[in-house]
Structure formats: C-alpha cells, structure tokens
N, C-alpha and C. Protein backbone atom coordinates (compact mmCIF):
# COMPACT_ATOMS: atom_id res chain seq x y z
N ALA A 1 56.62 57.85 12.26
CA ALA A 1 55.71 57.07 11.41
C ALA A 1 55.25 55.94 12.29
N GLN A 2 54.06 55.47 11.63
CA GLN A 2 53.27 54.45 12.11
C GLN A 2 54.14 52.95 11.81
N TRP A 3 54.42 52.21 12.89
CA TRP A 3 54.81 51.02 12.69
C TRP A 3 54.09 49.84 13.58
N PRO A 4 53.86 48.75 12.76
CA PRO A 4 54.09 48.51 11.41
C PRO A 4 52.94 49.04 10.57
N VAL A 5 52.97 49.15 9.33
CA VAL A 5 51.96 49.46 8.25
C VAL A 5 51.53 47.89 8.02
N LEU A 6 50.30 47.59 8.43
CA LEU A 6 49.60 46.37 8.09
C LEU A 6 49.02 46.56 6.96
N ASN A 7 48.92 45.11 6.21
CA ASN A 7 48.16 44.87 5.08
C ASN A 7 47.39 43.82 5.34
N LYS A 8 45.98 43.67 5.29
CA LYS A 8 45.10 42.71 5.61
C LYS A 8 44.50 42.21 4.28
N ALA A 9 44.31 40.87 4.26
CA ALA A 9 43.65 40.16 2.97
C ALA A 9 42.98 38.85 3.25
N GLU A 10 42.12 38.42 2.71
CA GLU A 10 41.75 37.12 2.40
C GLU A 10 42.53 36.50 1.54
N MET A 11 43.19 35.36 1.84
CA MET A 11 44.05 34.57 1.13
C MET A 11 43.61 33.20 0.82
N SER A 12 43.21 33.01 -0.35
CA SER A 12 42.74 31.49 -0.66
C SER A 12 44.03 30.81 -1.68
N PHE A 13 44.09 29.56 -1.33
CA PHE A 13 45.11 28.75 -1.94
C PHE A 13 44.69 27.29 -2.19
N LEU A 14 45.19 26.79 -3.34
CA LEU A 14 44.94 25.38 -3.59
C LEU A 14 45.76 24.51 -2.99
N LEU A 15 45.18 23.57 -2.05
CA LEU A 15 46.05 22.48 -1.30
C LEU A 15 46.01 21.30 -2.21
N GLU A 16 47.24 20.75 -2.31
CA GLU A 16 47.33 19.52 -3.13
C GLU A 16 47.55 18.76 -2.01
N GLU A 17 46.70 17.33 -1.74
CA GLU A 17 46.99 16.53 -0.69
C GLU A 17 46.56 15.05 -1.31
N THR A 18 46.85 14.27 -0.60
CA THR A 18 46.45 12.83 -0.92
C THR A 18 45.47 12.17 -0.13
N ASP A 19 44.50 11.37 -0.74
CA ASP A 19 43.47 10.75 -0.22
C ASP A 19 44.07 9.67 0.57
N PRO A 20 43.96 9.59 1.88
CA PRO A 20 44.38 8.58 2.71
C PRO A 20 44.03 7.16 2.43
N GLU A 21 42.56 7.19 1.78
CA GLU A 21 41.82 5.80 1.69
C GLU A 21 42.24 5.22 0.28
N THR A 22 42.59 6.14 -0.78
CA THR A 22 42.81 5.71 -1.99
C THR A 22 44.18 5.88 -2.44
N GLY A 23 44.93 6.88 -1.83
CA GLY A 23 46.22 7.44 -2.17
C GLY A 23 46.26 8.05 -3.58
N ASN A 24 45.18 8.72 -3.96
CA ASN A 24 44.96 9.37 -5.20
C ASN A 24 45.32 10.98 -4.73
N PRO A 25 45.55 11.55 -5.60
CA PRO A 25 45.91 13.05 -5.51
C PRO A 25 44.72 13.83 -5.35
N THR A 26 44.42 14.85 -4.22
CA THR A 26 42.93 15.59 -4.52
C THR A 26 43.26 16.94 -4.05
N GLN A 27 42.50 17.66 -4.53
CA GLN A 27 42.74 19.46 -4.36
C GLN A 27 41.61 20.12 -3.49
N ARG A 28 42.00 21.00 -2.91
CA ARG A 28 40.71 21.80 -2.20
C ARG A 28 41.15 23.29 -1.72
N TRP A 29 40.40 23.98 -1.78
CA TRP A 29 40.80 25.38 -1.77
C TRP A 29 40.77 25.69 -0.16
N HIS A 30 41.66 26.49 0.35
CA HIS A 30 41.70 26.65 1.71
C HIS A 30 41.85 28.22 1.87
N THR A 31 41.09 28.74 2.72
CA THR A 31 40.93 30.33 2.88
C THR A 31 41.44 30.67 4.15
N GLU A 32 42.34 31.82 4.31
CA GLU A 32 42.60 32.48 5.50
C GLU A 32 42.60 33.81 5.45
N ASN A 33 42.00 34.54 6.36
CA ASN A 33 42.31 35.99 6.68
C ASN A 33 43.67 36.32 7.38
N MET A 34 44.60 36.88 6.67
CA MET A 34 45.87 37.40 7.14
C MET A 34 46.28 38.71 7.23
N SER A 35 46.94 39.02 8.41
CA SER A 35 47.51 40.35 8.65
C SER A 35 49.10 40.07 8.24
N MET A 36 49.61 41.19 7.44
CA MET A 36 51.10 40.96 7.16
C MET A 36 51.58 42.11 6.99
N ILE A 37 52.87 42.49 7.18
CA ILE A 37 53.74 43.28 6.88
C ILE A 37 54.35 43.34 5.54
N ASN A 38 54.79 42.20 5.08
CA ASN A 38 55.27 41.94 3.67
C ASN A 38 54.67 40.80 3.05
N LEU A 39 54.44 40.79 1.93
CA LEU A 39 54.05 39.60 1.21
C LEU A 39 54.51 39.57 -0.01
N LEU A 40 55.14 38.25 -0.38
CA LEU A 40 56.00 38.07 -1.73
C LEU A 40 55.07 36.74 -2.21
N VAL A 41 54.93 36.90 -3.49
CA VAL A 41 54.56 35.79 -4.34
C VAL A 41 55.42 35.53 -5.56
N THR A 42 56.18 34.61 -5.58
CA THR A 42 57.16 34.59 -6.81
C THR A 42 57.62 33.10 -7.29
N ASN A 43 58.00 33.01 -8.44
CA ASN A 43 58.43 31.93 -9.11
C ASN A 43 60.06 31.73 -9.36
N LEU A 44 60.48 32.66 -8.55
CA LEU A 44 62.12 32.95 -8.64
C LEU A 44 62.63 32.61 -7.09
N PRO A 45 63.64 31.88 -7.16
CA PRO A 45 64.31 31.53 -5.60
C PRO A 45 64.99 32.90 -5.13
N CYS A 46 65.29 33.99 -5.72
CA CYS A 46 65.98 35.23 -5.46
C CYS A 46 65.35 36.32 -6.02
N LEU A 47 65.25 37.26 -5.45
CA LEU A 47 65.00 38.49 -6.17
C LEU A 47 66.17 39.37 -6.40
N GLY A 48 66.86 39.71 -7.65
CA GLY A 48 68.06 40.32 -7.81
C GLY A 48 69.28 39.39 -7.37
N LEU A 49 70.30 39.92 -7.24
CA LEU A 49 71.60 39.32 -6.84
C LEU A 49 71.62 38.79 -5.38
N ASP A 50 71.24 39.85 -4.20
CA ASP A 50 71.46 39.59 -2.90
C ASP A 50 70.08 39.49 -2.05
N HIS A 51 68.98 38.93 -2.54
CA HIS A 51 67.74 38.81 -2.08
C HIS A 51 67.27 37.57 -2.05
N PRO A 52 67.64 36.48 -1.30
CA PRO A 52 67.36 35.26 -1.52
C PRO A 52 65.86 35.12 -0.87
N ILE A 53 64.90 34.44 -1.52
CA ILE A 53 63.63 34.38 -0.92
C ILE A 53 63.25 32.94 -0.49
N MET A 54 63.14 31.99 -1.25
CA MET A 54 62.69 30.62 -1.07
C MET A 54 63.53 29.44 -2.01
N ARG A 55 64.19 28.78 -1.42
CA ARG A 55 64.69 27.65 -2.23
C ARG A 55 63.96 26.87 -2.74
N ASP A 56 64.18 25.89 -3.90
CA ASP A 56 63.36 24.97 -4.63
C ASP A 56 62.28 25.58 -5.10
N VAL A 57 62.24 26.72 -5.69
CA VAL A 57 61.43 27.17 -6.51
C VAL A 57 61.92 27.80 -7.92
N ALA A 58 61.27 27.49 -8.94
CA ALA A 58 61.85 27.84 -10.26
C ALA A 58 61.00 28.14 -11.22
N PRO A 59 61.31 28.94 -12.34
CA PRO A 59 60.23 29.62 -13.33
C PRO A 59 59.65 28.42 -13.79
N ASP A 60 59.98 27.12 -14.17
CA ASP A 60 59.28 26.23 -14.97
C ASP A 60 58.82 25.12 -14.03
N ASP A 61 58.76 25.33 -12.77
CA ASP A 61 58.21 24.12 -12.08
C ASP A 61 56.72 24.27 -11.86
N GLY A 62 55.95 25.19 -12.14
CA GLY A 62 54.49 25.33 -11.96
C GLY A 62 54.19 25.70 -10.54
N LYS A 63 55.09 26.19 -9.64
CA LYS A 63 54.57 26.44 -8.49
C LYS A 63 55.03 27.92 -8.05
N PHE A 64 54.33 28.35 -7.08
CA PHE A 64 54.81 29.80 -6.65
C PHE A 64 55.29 29.60 -5.11
N ALA A 65 56.12 30.21 -4.70
CA ALA A 65 56.50 30.52 -3.38
C ALA A 65 55.77 31.88 -2.78
N VAL A 66 55.09 31.48 -1.93
CA VAL A 66 54.27 32.43 -0.90
C VAL A 66 55.11 32.74 0.23
N VAL A 67 55.61 33.93 0.26
CA VAL A 67 56.33 34.19 1.62
C VAL A 67 55.77 35.36 2.21
N LEU A 68 55.47 35.35 3.55
CA LEU A 68 55.11 36.63 4.14
C LEU A 68 55.59 36.54 5.76
N VAL A 69 55.68 38.15 5.98
CA VAL A 69 56.17 38.53 7.16
C VAL A 69 54.79 38.80 7.98
N ASP A 70 54.56 38.06 9.04
CA ASP A 70 53.23 38.19 9.69
C ASP A 70 53.14 39.69 10.52
N GLY A 71 51.85 40.07 10.53
CA GLY A 71 51.56 41.42 11.18
C GLY A 71 51.98 41.71 12.57
N ASN A 72 52.20 40.45 13.15
CA ASN A 72 52.59 40.66 14.89
C ASN A 72 54.20 40.79 14.81
N ALA A 73 55.02 40.65 13.62
CA ALA A 73 56.37 40.88 13.64
C ALA A 73 56.82 42.11 14.29
N SER A 74 57.62 42.04 15.19
CA SER A 74 58.19 43.49 15.72
C SER A 74 59.22 44.01 14.99
N ARG A 75 59.52 45.23 15.02
CA ARG A 75 60.60 45.98 14.30
C ARG A 75 61.91 45.28 14.28
N SER A 76 62.28 44.89 15.45
CA SER A 76 63.47 44.17 15.33
C SER A 76 63.60 42.92 14.82
N LYS A 77 62.57 42.24 14.67
CA LYS A 77 62.45 40.91 13.76
C LYS A 77 62.53 41.22 12.40
N VAL A 78 61.94 42.35 11.86
CA VAL A 78 61.96 42.73 10.47
C VAL A 78 63.44 42.91 10.19
N ILE A 79 64.19 43.75 10.98
CA ILE A 79 65.63 44.27 10.79
C ILE A 79 66.31 42.82 10.83
N GLU A 80 66.10 41.96 11.74
CA GLU A 80 66.82 40.85 11.78
C GLU A 80 66.78 40.05 10.66
N LEU A 81 65.31 40.04 10.07
CA LEU A 81 65.16 39.21 8.62
C LEU A 81 65.99 39.73 7.54
N ALA A 82 66.13 41.44 7.47
CA ALA A 82 66.88 41.92 6.35
C ALA A 82 68.40 41.72 6.43
N ILE A 83 68.85 41.56 7.91
CA ILE A 83 70.49 41.33 8.03
C ILE A 83 70.50 39.74 7.57
N ALA A 84 69.77 38.79 7.76
CA ALA A 84 70.05 37.56 7.40
C ALA A 84 69.93 37.36 5.97
N MET A 85 68.93 37.99 5.43
CA MET A 85 69.04 37.87 3.80
C MET A 85 70.13 38.58 3.35
N LYS A 86 70.77 39.79 3.95
CA LYS A 86 71.99 40.34 3.34
C LYS A 86 73.14 39.53 3.51
N LYS A 87 73.03 38.43 4.43
CA LYS A 87 74.15 37.45 4.52
C LYS A 87 73.95 36.16 4.03
N GLY A 88 72.78 36.26 3.06
CA GLY A 88 72.67 34.96 2.09
C GLY A 88 71.58 33.89 2.63
N LYS A 89 70.89 34.34 3.90
CA LYS A 89 69.95 33.36 4.27
C LYS A 89 68.62 33.68 3.57
N PHE A 90 67.84 32.57 3.13
CA PHE A 90 66.53 32.53 2.43
C PHE A 90 65.60 33.20 3.35
N MET A 91 64.88 34.08 2.88
CA MET A 91 63.63 34.84 3.73
C MET A 91 62.86 33.70 4.12
N ALA A 92 62.58 32.80 3.45
CA ALA A 92 61.62 31.57 3.80
C ALA A 92 62.16 30.82 5.09
N ASP A 93 63.55 31.00 5.18
CA ASP A 93 64.23 30.02 6.34
C ASP A 93 64.38 30.85 7.68
N VAL A 94 63.96 32.23 7.76
CA VAL A 94 63.90 33.02 8.96
C VAL A 94 62.89 32.67 9.81
N ASP A 95 63.19 32.37 11.29
CA ASP A 95 62.05 32.26 12.06
C ASP A 95 61.17 33.31 12.13
N GLY A 96 59.75 33.25 12.12
CA GLY A 96 58.80 33.88 12.23
C GLY A 96 58.32 34.37 10.65
N VAL A 97 58.56 34.00 9.50
CA VAL A 97 58.48 34.19 8.37
C VAL A 97 57.67 32.73 8.16
N ARG A 98 56.42 33.15 7.27
CA ARG A 98 55.66 31.99 7.06
C ARG A 98 55.82 31.70 5.32
N ALA A 99 56.14 30.69 5.04
CA ALA A 99 56.41 30.23 3.68
C ALA A 99 55.80 28.90 3.28
N PHE A 100 55.25 28.90 1.95
CA PHE A 100 54.65 27.68 1.37
C PHE A 100 54.61 27.71 -0.08
N TYR A 101 54.39 26.61 -0.62
CA TYR A 101 54.21 26.56 -2.22
C TYR A 101 52.83 26.32 -2.67
N VAL A 102 52.30 26.86 -3.56
CA VAL A 102 51.13 27.05 -4.03
C VAL A 102 51.15 26.63 -5.71
N ARG A 103 50.13 26.06 -6.50
CA ARG A 103 49.95 26.13 -7.61
C ARG A 103 49.05 27.21 -8.12
N GLU A 104 48.00 27.56 -7.28
CA GLU A 104 47.07 28.67 -7.30
C GLU A 104 46.76 29.47 -6.17
N ILE A 105 46.56 30.84 -6.20
CA ILE A 105 46.26 31.63 -5.12
C ILE A 105 45.50 32.79 -5.58
N LYS A 106 44.53 33.14 -4.67
CA LYS A 106 43.72 34.30 -4.87
C LYS A 106 43.86 35.01 -3.75
N ILE A 107 44.20 36.59 -3.71
CA ILE A 107 44.31 37.50 -2.80
C ILE A 107 43.11 38.70 -3.02
N VAL A 108 42.55 38.54 -2.08
CA VAL A 108 41.53 39.96 -2.00
C VAL A 108 41.59 40.81 -0.87
N PRO A 109 42.34 42.05 -1.04
CA PRO A 109 42.67 42.98 -0.02
C PRO A 109 41.47 43.31 0.84
N GLU A 110 41.72 43.73 2.14
CA GLU A 110 40.59 43.97 3.05
C GLU A 110 39.84 45.15 2.33
N GLY A 111 38.67 45.36 2.31
CA GLY A 111 37.86 46.49 1.63
C GLY A 111 37.80 46.33 0.38
N GLY A 112 38.21 45.21 -0.38
CA GLY A 112 37.95 45.24 -1.89
C GLY A 112 38.86 44.64 -2.81
C-alpha cells in the first residue's frame, strides 16, 4: 500500500491579534497550503474515552482545536503518535504535530 496517503488543502483561518500601537484586538485571515496525513478540527478535548486530542478546548468556549499530522511525518512517527495517545498523551502535545486554536476556519481540498 502507498504510504503515506497525503491530503492537500488550502487552509484559511482567522487570526486574533493585538494591535501593538493601540492594544486593541484585531483579526485577519491567514492562508496556507498544507499537506497532511491526518487533520482533526474539533471542539472537544478528547474523541471517545481514550483518544486525547488537545487540552483547553471545550464545546462552549467558541474555539476549535485544529490538529494535524504533517505530510512529511514518517510511518514510525505516526506509530509513535498512536502509542503516545494510547498512553494518555494529547495528540497536540506530540512532537511533529501541528496544533492551534481558531474561531473560524475554511478548508478547500486540492482540486476543488
């Protein structure tokens, strides 16, 4: 079987920042082309009982956790990630996993 199966997409998310001159909150869209093996967008810290994804996210906080395994991750890295999660480590805390919080996100898969 082919490894890895890569998914490519253009991902845009709303960044919330503070204007350094005024101290006021500002928002701007940031767009990246991404290649990933796995992508989760959730408002829950865990999926099921034994799949911890990302701490400090809740269904009522207005944020989504975006957690992805980069397309450059090796097979052994993905296995290491699965073992760490089975031991209770949050997916977002594993080296090589990219994770961030957003309030809005747009995902356009490659090719449409």
